[in-house]
Amino acid sequence: MKIMIRTGLAFVLALACCLPAMAAAAPDKAEKVASGMLKFDDVLTEGTTRISGVLATMNSLSTATGSDLVSKYKTFTKQVNELDATAKKAKARSEDATSQREEYLEQWQESQGQIQNEELKAASAARRAELMPKIEGIKEALTAASQGFAPFMQDLKDLTIFLGNDLSEKGVATASELMAKCTEGGAKVNADIERGSAGVKDLAASISPTSAAKK
């Protein structure tokens, strides 16, 4: 009898120890996912800042002359390279954030099946369903940004090569049409990134308000 009591007590103690860990697992996971999304958002913000900067420098070439033209061209080339590096960093962060998010949603769906109370199960399913349009909105905005960024980046690289071979007022005038295209394309990419960034922040706050509040 004593053995049974001790065994039962041990089981109860073990269960008591496990329950807090199980309860904490979901919030901890949510916070990790939200944190990863906000790190990705930091790179998105860096990207829009760099795009604005490179466009400002590019357009200033049209009024520059002599040594000022050389100086601005060097700055422009450096900014193009930095933007390219930021884009690669954003791609890596995006993959990490997406992987964490999908794993989190999958675990959520699996754990949802363990709920016995039908009302709570329905509420959990509804809560998860609320997130899906937000996720799709982010995907749509950032897909548009990615599709627009590729030709925009190539145009910038073309400009650095062309102007590097003909850094003169005439060369800048010849490139003016492509520079105008870059201005328009860069503005569109920035608008799409900003839409995606707003969606990322909103989703992060929906998943873990605590983590989002730390930003």
N, C-alpha and C. Protein backbone atom coordinates (compact mmCIF):
# COMPACT_ATOMS: atom_id res chain seq x y z
N MET A 1 0.82 -1.20 0.00
CA MET A 1 0.00 0.00 0.00
C MET A 1 0.87 1.26 0.00
N LYS A 2 1.91 1.27 0.86
CA LYS A 2 2.81 2.41 0.92
C LYS A 2 3.52 2.61 -0.40
N ILE A 3 3.87 1.46 -1.03
CA ILE A 3 4.54 1.54 -2.32
C ILE A 3 3.63 2.20 -3.35
N MET A 4 2.34 1.83 -3.32
CA MET A 4 1.38 2.40 -4.27
C MET A 4 1.21 3.90 -4.03
N ILE A 5 1.18 4.28 -2.73
CA ILE A 5 1.02 5.69 -2.41
C ILE A 5 2.22 6.48 -2.89
N ARG A 6 3.45 5.89 -2.62
CA ARG A 6 4.67 6.58 -3.04
C ARG A 6 4.72 6.70 -4.56
N THR A 7 4.29 5.62 -5.24
CA THR A 7 4.29 5.64 -6.70
C THR A 7 3.32 6.68 -7.25
N GLY A 8 2.12 6.70 -6.61
CA GLY A 8 1.12 7.67 -7.02
C GLY A 8 1.58 9.09 -6.77
N LEU A 9 2.23 9.30 -5.62
CA LEU A 9 2.74 10.62 -5.29
C LEU A 9 3.82 11.06 -6.29
N ALA A 10 4.69 10.11 -6.62
CA ALA A 10 5.75 10.41 -7.58
C ALA A 10 5.16 10.80 -8.93
N PHE A 11 4.09 10.08 -9.31
CA PHE A 11 3.45 10.37 -10.59
C PHE A 11 2.83 11.77 -10.58
N VAL A 12 2.16 12.10 -9.46
CA VAL A 12 1.52 13.41 -9.34
C VAL A 12 2.57 14.52 -9.38
N LEU A 13 3.69 14.31 -8.67
CA LEU A 13 4.75 15.31 -8.65
C LEU A 13 5.36 15.49 -10.05
N ALA A 14 5.55 14.37 -10.73
CA ALA A 14 6.11 14.43 -12.08
C ALA A 14 5.18 15.18 -13.01
N LEU A 15 3.87 14.89 -12.86
CA LEU A 15 2.88 15.56 -13.70
C LEU A 15 2.84 17.06 -13.40
N ALA A 16 2.94 17.38 -12.13
CA ALA A 16 2.93 18.79 -11.72
C ALA A 16 4.13 19.53 -12.29
N CYS A 17 5.26 18.83 -12.38
CA CYS A 17 6.46 19.45 -12.95
C CYS A 17 6.34 19.62 -14.46
N CYS A 18 5.69 18.66 -15.09
CA CYS A 18 5.59 18.69 -16.55
C CYS A 18 4.60 19.73 -17.05
N LEU A 19 3.49 19.89 -16.33
CA LEU A 19 2.44 20.79 -16.80
C LEU A 19 2.91 22.21 -17.02
N PRO A 20 3.66 22.83 -16.08
CA PRO A 20 4.13 24.19 -16.35
C PRO A 20 5.01 24.26 -17.59
N ALA A 21 5.83 23.23 -17.78
CA ALA A 21 6.71 23.22 -18.95
C ALA A 21 5.90 23.13 -20.23
N MET A 22 4.85 22.28 -20.20
CA MET A 22 4.00 22.14 -21.37
C MET A 22 3.25 23.44 -21.64
N ALA A 23 2.78 24.09 -20.58
CA ALA A 23 2.03 25.33 -20.74
C ALA A 23 2.93 26.44 -21.28
N ALA A 24 4.19 26.42 -20.85
CA ALA A 24 5.11 27.47 -21.26
C ALA A 24 5.65 27.26 -22.67
N ALA A 25 5.56 26.02 -23.16
CA ALA A 25 6.16 25.70 -24.46
C ALA A 25 5.55 26.54 -25.57
N ALA A 26 4.20 26.64 -25.61
CA ALA A 26 3.55 27.37 -26.69
C ALA A 26 3.87 28.86 -26.66
N PRO A 27 3.74 29.55 -25.51
CA PRO A 27 4.11 30.97 -25.48
C PRO A 27 5.57 31.21 -25.84
N ASP A 28 6.46 30.34 -25.35
CA ASP A 28 7.88 30.49 -25.67
C ASP A 28 8.12 30.34 -27.17
N LYS A 29 7.44 29.36 -27.76
CA LYS A 29 7.58 29.14 -29.20
C LYS A 29 7.03 30.33 -29.97
N ALA A 30 5.89 30.83 -29.51
CA ALA A 30 5.27 31.98 -30.18
C ALA A 30 6.19 33.20 -30.12
N GLU A 31 6.81 33.40 -28.97
CA GLU A 31 7.71 34.54 -28.81
C GLU A 31 8.93 34.41 -29.71
N LYS A 32 9.42 33.17 -29.84
CA LYS A 32 10.57 32.94 -30.71
C LYS A 32 10.22 33.23 -32.16
N VAL A 33 9.03 32.78 -32.57
CA VAL A 33 8.58 33.02 -33.94
C VAL A 33 8.42 34.52 -34.19
N ALA A 34 7.75 35.20 -33.26
CA ALA A 34 7.54 36.64 -33.41
C ALA A 34 8.86 37.39 -33.43
N SER A 35 9.79 36.97 -32.59
CA SER A 35 11.11 37.60 -32.55
C SER A 35 11.83 37.44 -33.88
N GLY A 36 11.74 36.25 -34.46
CA GLY A 36 12.36 36.01 -35.77
C GLY A 36 11.75 36.86 -36.85
N MET A 37 10.43 37.06 -36.78
CA MET A 37 9.75 37.88 -37.76
C MET A 37 10.18 39.34 -37.64
N LEU A 38 10.36 39.80 -36.40
CA LEU A 38 10.76 41.19 -36.20
C LEU A 38 12.21 41.44 -36.63
N LYS A 39 13.06 40.41 -36.50
CA LYS A 39 14.42 40.52 -37.01
C LYS A 39 14.40 40.63 -38.54
N PHE A 40 13.51 39.87 -39.15
CA PHE A 40 13.35 39.96 -40.60
C PHE A 40 12.84 41.34 -40.97
N ASP A 41 11.91 41.88 -40.18
CA ASP A 41 11.38 43.21 -40.45
C ASP A 41 12.47 44.28 -40.36
N ASP A 42 13.41 44.09 -39.46
CA ASP A 42 14.53 45.03 -39.35
C ASP A 42 15.29 45.13 -40.67
N VAL A 43 15.48 43.98 -41.32
CA VAL A 43 16.19 43.96 -42.60
C VAL A 43 15.33 44.60 -43.69
N LEU A 44 14.01 44.40 -43.62
CA LEU A 44 13.13 45.04 -44.59
C LEU A 44 13.24 46.56 -44.48
N THR A 45 13.25 47.05 -43.25
CA THR A 45 13.39 48.49 -43.03
C THR A 45 14.73 48.99 -43.53
N GLU A 46 15.77 48.20 -43.29
CA GLU A 46 17.10 48.55 -43.80
C GLU A 46 17.07 48.62 -45.32
N GLY A 47 16.34 47.70 -45.93
CA GLY A 47 16.25 47.66 -47.39
C GLY A 47 15.59 48.90 -47.96
N THR A 48 14.47 49.32 -47.37
CA THR A 48 13.79 50.52 -47.89
C THR A 48 14.65 51.77 -47.71
N THR A 49 15.39 51.81 -46.59
CA THR A 49 16.28 52.94 -46.35
C THR A 49 17.39 52.99 -47.40
N ARG A 50 17.93 51.82 -47.70
CA ARG A 50 19.01 51.76 -48.69
C ARG A 50 18.50 52.11 -50.09
N ILE A 51 17.31 51.65 -50.43
CA ILE A 51 16.74 51.97 -51.75
C ILE A 51 16.55 53.48 -51.88
N SER A 52 16.00 54.09 -50.84
CA SER A 52 15.81 55.55 -50.87
C SER A 52 17.14 56.27 -51.01
N GLY A 53 18.14 55.78 -50.30
CA GLY A 53 19.46 56.40 -50.35
C GLY A 53 20.12 56.28 -51.70
N VAL A 54 20.04 55.10 -52.29
CA VAL A 54 20.70 54.89 -53.59
C VAL A 54 20.01 55.70 -54.68
N LEU A 55 18.69 55.86 -54.58
CA LEU A 55 17.97 56.65 -55.58
C LEU A 55 18.31 58.14 -55.44
N ALA A 56 18.43 58.59 -54.20
CA ALA A 56 18.78 60.00 -53.99
C ALA A 56 20.15 60.32 -54.57
N THR A 57 21.10 59.44 -54.33
CA THR A 57 22.45 59.65 -54.86
C THR A 57 22.46 59.55 -56.38
N MET A 58 21.74 58.55 -56.91
CA MET A 58 21.67 58.38 -58.36
C MET A 58 21.14 59.63 -59.04
N ASN A 59 20.05 60.17 -58.49
CA ASN A 59 19.44 61.35 -59.11
C ASN A 59 20.29 62.61 -58.94
N SER A 60 21.13 62.62 -57.91
CA SER A 60 22.02 63.78 -57.72
C SER A 60 23.14 63.81 -58.76
N LEU A 61 23.36 62.69 -59.45
CA LEU A 61 24.39 62.64 -60.49
C LEU A 61 24.06 63.57 -61.64
N SER A 62 22.77 63.78 -61.87
CA SER A 62 22.35 64.58 -63.03
C SER A 62 22.74 66.05 -62.91
N THR A 63 23.01 66.51 -61.71
CA THR A 63 23.41 67.92 -61.53
C THR A 63 24.87 68.06 -61.09
N ALA A 64 25.57 66.94 -60.97
CA ALA A 64 26.97 66.97 -60.51
C ALA A 64 27.92 67.17 -61.68
N THR A 65 29.05 67.79 -61.40
CA THR A 65 30.08 67.99 -62.41
C THR A 65 31.46 67.78 -61.80
N GLY A 66 32.43 67.52 -62.67
CA GLY A 66 33.82 67.42 -62.24
C GLY A 66 34.05 66.43 -61.11
N SER A 67 34.81 66.88 -60.11
CA SER A 67 35.17 65.99 -59.00
C SER A 67 33.95 65.59 -58.17
N ASP A 68 32.93 66.46 -58.17
CA ASP A 68 31.70 66.14 -57.43
C ASP A 68 31.00 64.95 -58.09
N LEU A 69 31.05 64.89 -59.41
CA LEU A 69 30.44 63.78 -60.14
C LEU A 69 31.16 62.48 -59.81
N VAL A 70 32.47 62.54 -59.74
CA VAL A 70 33.26 61.35 -59.40
C VAL A 70 32.93 60.89 -57.98
N SER A 71 32.85 61.83 -57.07
CA SER A 71 32.56 61.51 -55.68
C SER A 71 31.18 60.88 -55.52
N LYS A 72 30.19 61.47 -56.20
CA LYS A 72 28.83 60.94 -56.10
C LYS A 72 28.72 59.57 -56.77
N TYR A 73 29.46 59.38 -57.86
CA TYR A 73 29.43 58.08 -58.53
C TYR A 73 30.00 57.01 -57.61
N LYS A 74 31.08 57.30 -56.91
CA LYS A 74 31.68 56.35 -55.98
C LYS A 74 30.69 56.00 -54.86
N THR A 75 30.01 57.01 -54.36
CA THR A 75 29.00 56.78 -53.32
C THR A 75 27.87 55.93 -53.86
N PHE A 76 27.44 56.24 -55.07
CA PHE A 76 26.36 55.49 -55.72
C PHE A 76 26.74 54.02 -55.87
N THR A 77 27.93 53.76 -56.36
CA THR A 77 28.40 52.38 -56.56
C THR A 77 28.45 51.63 -55.23
N LYS A 78 28.95 52.30 -54.20
CA LYS A 78 29.02 51.69 -52.87
C LYS A 78 27.63 51.36 -52.35
N GLN A 79 26.69 52.27 -52.55
CA GLN A 79 25.33 52.05 -52.08
C GLN A 79 24.65 50.91 -52.82
N VAL A 80 24.92 50.79 -54.12
CA VAL A 80 24.35 49.69 -54.90
C VAL A 80 24.86 48.36 -54.35
N ASN A 81 26.14 48.28 -54.06
CA ASN A 81 26.71 47.05 -53.50
C ASN A 81 26.13 46.74 -52.12
N GLU A 82 25.94 47.77 -51.31
CA GLU A 82 25.36 47.58 -49.98
C GLU A 82 23.91 47.12 -50.07
N LEU A 83 23.19 47.67 -51.04
CA LEU A 83 21.80 47.25 -51.24
C LEU A 83 21.74 45.79 -51.66
N ASP A 84 22.64 45.40 -52.53
CA ASP A 84 22.71 44.00 -52.97
C ASP A 84 22.96 43.07 -51.78
N ALA A 85 23.87 43.47 -50.89
CA ALA A 85 24.18 42.67 -49.70
C ALA A 85 22.98 42.59 -48.76
N THR A 86 22.27 43.70 -48.62
CA THR A 86 21.09 43.73 -47.76
C THR A 86 20.00 42.81 -48.32
N ALA A 87 19.86 42.79 -49.63
CA ALA A 87 18.86 41.93 -50.26
C ALA A 87 19.16 40.46 -49.98
N LYS A 88 20.43 40.09 -50.02
CA LYS A 88 20.81 38.70 -49.73
C LYS A 88 20.55 38.37 -48.27
N LYS A 89 20.81 39.34 -47.39
CA LYS A 89 20.55 39.14 -45.96
C LYS A 89 19.05 38.99 -45.71
N ALA A 90 18.26 39.80 -46.41
CA ALA A 90 16.81 39.73 -46.26
C ALA A 90 16.28 38.37 -46.71
N LYS A 91 16.85 37.84 -47.78
CA LYS A 91 16.42 36.54 -48.29
C LYS A 91 16.68 35.46 -47.24
N ALA A 92 17.86 35.50 -46.61
CA ALA A 92 18.20 34.51 -45.58
C ALA A 92 17.30 34.64 -44.37
N ARG A 93 17.05 35.88 -43.93
CA ARG A 93 16.17 36.11 -42.78
C ARG A 93 14.75 35.68 -43.10
N SER A 94 14.32 35.91 -44.32
CA SER A 94 12.97 35.53 -44.74
C SER A 94 12.80 34.02 -44.66
N GLU A 95 13.80 33.30 -45.13
CA GLU A 95 13.73 31.83 -45.10
C GLU A 95 13.66 31.32 -43.66
N ASP A 96 14.45 31.92 -42.77
CA ASP A 96 14.44 31.51 -41.36
C ASP A 96 13.09 31.81 -40.72
N ALA A 97 12.58 33.02 -40.95
CA ALA A 97 11.31 33.43 -40.35
C ALA A 97 10.16 32.57 -40.87
N THR A 98 10.18 32.27 -42.16
CA THR A 98 9.12 31.46 -42.76
C THR A 98 9.15 30.05 -42.20
N SER A 99 10.35 29.48 -42.07
CA SER A 99 10.49 28.13 -41.53
C SER A 99 9.96 28.05 -40.11
N GLN A 100 10.31 29.02 -39.27
CA GLN A 100 9.85 29.04 -37.88
C GLN A 100 8.33 29.21 -37.82
N ARG A 101 7.81 30.08 -38.66
CA ARG A 101 6.37 30.33 -38.66
C ARG A 101 5.59 29.09 -39.07
N GLU A 102 6.04 28.42 -40.13
CA GLU A 102 5.33 27.24 -40.61
C GLU A 102 5.39 26.10 -39.59
N GLU A 103 6.53 25.96 -38.94
CA GLU A 103 6.66 24.94 -37.90
C GLU A 103 5.72 25.24 -36.74
N TYR A 104 5.64 26.51 -36.37
CA TYR A 104 4.76 26.92 -35.27
C TYR A 104 3.30 26.64 -35.60
N LEU A 105 2.86 26.98 -36.82
CA LEU A 105 1.48 26.76 -37.22
C LEU A 105 1.15 25.27 -37.31
N GLU A 106 2.13 24.50 -37.74
CA GLU A 106 1.92 23.05 -37.81
C GLU A 106 1.75 22.46 -36.42
N GLN A 107 2.60 22.88 -35.49
CA GLN A 107 2.49 22.39 -34.12
C GLN A 107 1.18 22.86 -33.48
N TRP A 108 0.77 24.08 -33.82
CA TRP A 108 -0.49 24.60 -33.31
C TRP A 108 -1.64 23.70 -33.77
N GLN A 109 -1.64 23.36 -35.04
CA GLN A 109 -2.71 22.52 -35.59
C GLN A 109 -2.72 21.14 -34.93
N GLU A 110 -1.53 20.60 -34.71
CA GLU A 110 -1.44 19.28 -34.07
C GLU A 110 -1.94 19.33 -32.63
N SER A 111 -1.53 20.35 -31.88
CA SER A 111 -1.93 20.46 -30.48
C SER A 111 -3.43 20.77 -30.37
N GLN A 112 -3.97 21.44 -31.36
CA GLN A 112 -5.39 21.77 -31.38
C GLN A 112 -6.24 20.51 -31.33
N GLY A 113 -5.74 19.45 -31.95
CA GLY A 113 -6.47 18.18 -31.96
C GLY A 113 -6.54 17.52 -30.60
N GLN A 114 -5.72 17.98 -29.66
CA GLN A 114 -5.72 17.40 -28.32
C GLN A 114 -6.77 18.04 -27.41
N ILE A 115 -7.35 19.15 -27.84
CA ILE A 115 -8.37 19.82 -27.04
C ILE A 115 -9.66 19.01 -27.09
N GLN A 116 -10.20 18.70 -25.93
CA GLN A 116 -11.42 17.90 -25.86
C GLN A 116 -12.68 18.77 -25.88
N ASN A 117 -12.60 19.94 -25.25
CA ASN A 117 -13.76 20.82 -25.20
C ASN A 117 -14.04 21.39 -26.59
N GLU A 118 -15.23 21.14 -27.10
CA GLU A 118 -15.56 21.53 -28.47
C GLU A 118 -15.58 23.04 -28.66
N GLU A 119 -16.03 23.76 -27.64
CA GLU A 119 -16.09 25.22 -27.74
C GLU A 119 -14.68 25.81 -27.84
N LEU A 120 -13.77 25.30 -26.99
CA LEU A 120 -12.40 25.78 -27.03
C LEU A 120 -11.69 25.36 -28.31
N LYS A 121 -12.01 24.16 -28.78
CA LYS A 121 -11.41 23.68 -30.01
C LYS A 121 -11.83 24.57 -31.19
N ALA A 122 -13.11 24.94 -31.22
CA ALA A 122 -13.60 25.81 -32.29
C ALA A 122 -12.97 27.20 -32.20
N ALA A 123 -12.81 27.69 -30.96
CA ALA A 123 -12.20 29.01 -30.77
C ALA A 123 -10.74 29.00 -31.21
N SER A 124 -10.03 27.90 -30.91
CA SER A 124 -8.63 27.77 -31.30
C SER A 124 -8.51 27.73 -32.82
N ALA A 125 -9.41 26.99 -33.45
CA ALA A 125 -9.39 26.89 -34.92
C ALA A 125 -9.68 28.26 -35.56
N ALA A 126 -10.63 28.99 -34.96
CA ALA A 126 -10.97 30.31 -35.49
C ALA A 126 -9.80 31.28 -35.33
N ARG A 127 -9.13 31.17 -34.18
CA ARG A 127 -7.98 32.05 -33.91
C ARG A 127 -6.88 31.80 -34.93
N ARG A 128 -6.62 30.53 -35.21
CA ARG A 128 -5.59 30.19 -36.20
C ARG A 128 -5.99 30.67 -37.59
N ALA A 129 -7.29 30.54 -37.89
CA ALA A 129 -7.78 30.96 -39.21
C ALA A 129 -7.63 32.46 -39.40
N GLU A 130 -7.68 33.22 -38.30
CA GLU A 130 -7.52 34.68 -38.39
C GLU A 130 -6.14 35.06 -38.92
N LEU A 131 -5.17 34.21 -38.64
CA LEU A 131 -3.79 34.54 -39.03
C LEU A 131 -3.52 34.30 -40.51
N MET A 132 -4.27 33.38 -41.11
CA MET A 132 -3.96 32.98 -42.48
C MET A 132 -4.07 34.13 -43.50
N PRO A 133 -5.12 34.98 -43.44
CA PRO A 133 -5.16 36.10 -44.39
C PRO A 133 -3.98 37.06 -44.20
N LYS A 134 -3.53 37.22 -42.96
CA LYS A 134 -2.38 38.09 -42.70
C LYS A 134 -1.13 37.51 -43.34
N ILE A 135 -0.97 36.19 -43.23
CA ILE A 135 0.18 35.52 -43.83
C ILE A 135 0.14 35.65 -45.35
N GLU A 136 -1.05 35.45 -45.93
CA GLU A 136 -1.18 35.57 -47.38
C GLU A 136 -0.90 36.99 -47.85
N GLY A 137 -1.32 37.98 -47.04
CA GLY A 137 -1.07 39.37 -47.39
C GLY A 137 0.43 39.68 -47.42
N ILE A 138 1.16 39.12 -46.45
CA ILE A 138 2.62 39.30 -46.41
C ILE A 138 3.26 38.66 -47.63
N LYS A 139 2.82 37.44 -47.92
CA LYS A 139 3.38 36.72 -49.07
C LYS A 139 3.15 37.51 -50.36
N GLU A 140 1.95 38.04 -50.53
CA GLU A 140 1.62 38.78 -51.75
C GLU A 140 2.48 40.03 -51.89
N ALA A 141 2.60 40.78 -50.80
CA ALA A 141 3.37 42.03 -50.84
C ALA A 141 4.85 41.77 -51.10
N LEU A 142 5.41 40.80 -50.40
CA LEU A 142 6.84 40.55 -50.54
C LEU A 142 7.18 39.82 -51.84
N THR A 143 6.23 39.04 -52.37
CA THR A 143 6.45 38.44 -53.69
C THR A 143 6.51 39.53 -54.75
N ALA A 144 5.59 40.50 -54.64
CA ALA A 144 5.59 41.63 -55.57
C ALA A 144 6.89 42.42 -55.45
N ALA A 145 7.34 42.62 -54.20
CA ALA A 145 8.59 43.35 -53.97
C ALA A 145 9.77 42.61 -54.58
N SER A 146 9.79 41.29 -54.41
CA SER A 146 10.88 40.48 -54.94
C SER A 146 10.90 40.51 -56.47
N GLN A 147 9.73 40.41 -57.07
CA GLN A 147 9.64 40.43 -58.53
C GLN A 147 10.06 41.77 -59.10
N GLY A 148 9.75 42.84 -58.38
CA GLY A 148 10.15 44.16 -58.85
C GLY A 148 11.60 44.48 -58.56
N PHE A 149 12.12 43.88 -57.48
CA PHE A 149 13.49 44.20 -57.07
C PHE A 149 14.52 43.65 -58.05
N ALA A 150 14.30 42.46 -58.58
CA ALA A 150 15.29 41.83 -59.46
C ALA A 150 15.64 42.71 -60.67
N PRO A 151 14.67 43.17 -61.45
CA PRO A 151 15.02 44.05 -62.59
C PRO A 151 15.53 45.42 -62.13
N PHE A 152 15.02 45.90 -61.00
CA PHE A 152 15.48 47.18 -60.45
C PHE A 152 16.96 47.09 -60.10
N MET A 153 17.36 46.01 -59.45
CA MET A 153 18.75 45.82 -59.06
C MET A 153 19.64 45.69 -60.29
N GLN A 154 19.16 44.99 -61.29
CA GLN A 154 19.96 44.83 -62.51
C GLN A 154 20.14 46.17 -63.21
N ASP A 155 19.11 46.99 -63.21
CA ASP A 155 19.22 48.32 -63.83
C ASP A 155 20.26 49.17 -63.09
N LEU A 156 20.26 49.08 -61.76
CA LEU A 156 21.25 49.83 -60.98
C LEU A 156 22.67 49.37 -61.32
N LYS A 157 22.84 48.06 -61.43
CA LYS A 157 24.17 47.53 -61.77
C LYS A 157 24.59 47.96 -63.17
N ASP A 158 23.62 47.97 -64.09
CA ASP A 158 23.91 48.43 -65.45
C ASP A 158 24.39 49.88 -65.43
N LEU A 159 23.76 50.69 -64.60
CA LEU A 159 24.15 52.09 -64.49
C LEU A 159 25.57 52.24 -63.96
N THR A 160 25.91 51.45 -62.93
CA THR A 160 27.27 51.57 -62.38
C THR A 160 28.32 51.20 -63.42
N ILE A 161 28.02 50.19 -64.24
CA ILE A 161 28.98 49.77 -65.27
C ILE A 161 29.07 50.82 -66.38
N PHE A 162 27.90 51.25 -66.85
CA PHE A 162 27.89 52.22 -67.95
C PHE A 162 28.57 53.53 -67.54
N LEU A 163 28.20 54.06 -66.39
CA LEU A 163 28.78 55.33 -65.95
C LEU A 163 30.24 55.17 -65.57
N GLY A 164 30.62 53.99 -65.16
CA GLY A 164 32.03 53.75 -64.86
C GLY A 164 32.88 53.87 -66.11
N ASN A 165 32.28 53.57 -67.26
CA ASN A 165 33.00 53.67 -68.53
C ASN A 165 32.82 55.03 -69.21
N ASP A 166 31.82 55.77 -68.76
CA ASP A 166 31.57 57.09 -69.35
C ASP A 166 31.03 58.03 -68.27
N LEU A 167 31.90 58.37 -67.34
CA LEU A 167 31.50 59.24 -66.24
C LEU A 167 31.67 60.69 -66.66
N SER A 168 30.65 61.17 -67.38
CA SER A 168 30.67 62.53 -67.89
C SER A 168 29.24 63.04 -67.91
N GLU A 169 29.09 64.32 -68.13
CA GLU A 169 27.75 64.89 -68.20
C GLU A 169 26.96 64.24 -69.35
N LYS A 170 27.65 63.96 -70.43
CA LYS A 170 26.99 63.31 -71.56
C LYS A 170 26.57 61.90 -71.20
N GLY A 171 27.45 61.19 -70.48
CA GLY A 171 27.13 59.82 -70.08
C GLY A 171 25.93 59.79 -69.15
N VAL A 172 25.87 60.73 -68.22
CA VAL A 172 24.74 60.82 -67.30
C VAL A 172 23.46 61.13 -68.06
N ALA A 173 23.57 62.05 -69.05
CA ALA A 173 22.40 62.41 -69.85
C ALA A 173 21.89 61.20 -70.64
N THR A 174 22.83 60.41 -71.16
CA THR A 174 22.46 59.22 -71.91
C THR A 174 21.72 58.21 -71.03
N ALA A 175 22.13 58.16 -69.76
CA ALA A 175 21.53 57.20 -68.82
C ALA A 175 20.27 57.73 -68.14
N SER A 176 19.87 58.94 -68.48
CA SER A 176 18.75 59.58 -67.76
C SER A 176 17.44 58.79 -67.85
N GLU A 177 17.20 58.18 -69.00
CA GLU A 177 15.97 57.41 -69.16
C GLU A 177 15.96 56.19 -68.22
N LEU A 178 17.09 55.51 -68.13
CA LEU A 178 17.18 54.36 -67.24
C LEU A 178 17.12 54.80 -65.77
N MET A 179 17.69 55.97 -65.49
CA MET A 179 17.63 56.50 -64.12
C MET A 179 16.19 56.81 -63.72
N ALA A 180 15.41 57.32 -64.67
CA ALA A 180 14.00 57.59 -64.39
C ALA A 180 13.24 56.29 -64.14
N LYS A 181 13.59 55.26 -64.91
CA LYS A 181 12.97 53.95 -64.72
C LYS A 181 13.31 53.40 -63.33
N CYS A 182 14.56 53.58 -62.91
CA CYS A 182 14.98 53.12 -61.59
C CYS A 182 14.23 53.84 -60.48
N THR A 183 14.04 55.14 -60.67
CA THR A 183 13.31 55.93 -59.67
C THR A 183 11.89 55.39 -59.50
N GLU A 184 11.24 55.12 -60.61
CA GLU A 184 9.88 54.60 -60.58
C GLU A 184 9.85 53.18 -60.00
N GLY A 185 10.78 52.34 -60.48
CA GLY A 185 10.81 50.97 -60.01
C GLY A 185 11.16 50.87 -58.53
N GLY A 186 12.11 51.69 -58.09
CA GLY A 186 12.51 51.68 -56.68
C GLY A 186 11.38 52.11 -55.77
N ALA A 187 10.60 53.11 -56.21
CA ALA A 187 9.47 53.58 -55.41
C ALA A 187 8.42 52.48 -55.27
N LYS A 188 8.20 51.73 -56.35
CA LYS A 188 7.22 50.63 -56.32
C LYS A 188 7.70 49.52 -55.39
N VAL A 189 8.99 49.18 -55.48
CA VAL A 189 9.54 48.13 -54.61
C VAL A 189 9.42 48.56 -53.15
N ASN A 190 9.76 49.80 -52.87
CA ASN A 190 9.68 50.29 -51.50
C ASN A 190 8.25 50.23 -50.97
N ALA A 191 7.29 50.58 -51.81
CA ALA A 191 5.88 50.54 -51.39
C ALA A 191 5.46 49.11 -51.06
N ASP A 192 5.90 48.15 -51.88
CA ASP A 192 5.56 46.74 -51.63
C ASP A 192 6.24 46.23 -50.36
N ILE A 193 7.50 46.61 -50.16
CA ILE A 193 8.22 46.19 -48.96
C ILE A 193 7.55 46.78 -47.71
N GLU A 194 7.14 48.03 -47.79
CA GLU A 194 6.49 48.66 -46.65
C GLU A 194 5.17 47.99 -46.31
N ARG A 195 4.43 47.57 -47.35
CA ARG A 195 3.19 46.80 -47.11
C ARG A 195 3.51 45.49 -46.41
N GLY A 196 4.54 44.81 -46.89
CA GLY A 196 4.95 43.56 -46.27
C GLY A 196 5.43 43.77 -44.86
N SER A 197 6.18 44.84 -44.64
CA SER A 197 6.70 45.15 -43.31
C SER A 197 5.57 45.39 -42.31
N ALA A 198 4.56 46.13 -42.73
CA ALA A 198 3.40 46.39 -41.86
C ALA A 198 2.70 45.08 -41.52
N GLY A 199 2.60 44.20 -42.52
CA GLY A 199 1.98 42.90 -42.29
C GLY A 199 2.78 42.03 -41.34
N VAL A 200 4.11 42.07 -41.47
CA VAL A 200 4.98 41.29 -40.59
C VAL A 200 4.82 41.76 -39.14
N LYS A 201 4.82 43.06 -38.93
CA LYS A 201 4.64 43.61 -37.58
C LYS A 201 3.29 43.19 -37.00
N ASP A 202 2.26 43.28 -37.82
CA ASP A 202 0.91 42.93 -37.37
C ASP A 202 0.82 41.45 -37.00
N LEU A 203 1.40 40.61 -37.83
CA LEU A 203 1.36 39.17 -37.57
C LEU A 203 2.16 38.83 -36.32
N ALA A 204 3.33 39.45 -36.17
CA ALA A 204 4.15 39.21 -34.98
C ALA A 204 3.40 39.59 -33.71
N ALA A 205 2.69 40.73 -33.76
CA ALA A 205 1.91 41.17 -32.61
C ALA A 205 0.74 40.23 -32.34
N SER A 206 0.18 39.65 -33.39
CA SER A 206 -0.93 38.71 -33.23
C SER A 206 -0.46 37.41 -32.59
N ILE A 207 0.75 36.99 -32.96
CA ILE A 207 1.29 35.74 -32.43
C ILE A 207 1.80 35.92 -31.01
N SER A 208 2.52 37.01 -30.78
CA SER A 208 3.10 37.25 -29.45
C SER A 208 3.13 38.75 -29.16
N PRO A 209 2.06 39.30 -28.57
CA PRO A 209 2.02 40.74 -28.26
C PRO A 209 3.19 41.18 -27.37
N THR A 210 3.64 40.29 -26.47
CA THR A 210 4.74 40.62 -25.57
C THR A 210 6.02 40.87 -26.34
N SER A 211 6.30 39.96 -27.29
CA SER A 211 7.51 40.09 -28.08
C SER A 211 7.46 41.33 -28.96
N ALA A 212 6.31 41.59 -29.57
CA ALA A 212 6.17 42.73 -30.45
C ALA A 212 6.32 44.04 -29.67
N ALA A 213 5.89 44.04 -28.42
CA ALA A 213 5.96 45.25 -27.61
C ALA A 213 7.41 45.61 -27.25
N LYS A 214 8.31 44.63 -27.33
CA LYS A 214 9.71 44.87 -27.00
C LYS A 214 10.44 45.62 -28.11
N LYS A 215 9.86 45.64 -29.30
CA LYS A 215 10.54 46.25 -30.45
C LYS A 215 10.62 47.77 -30.31
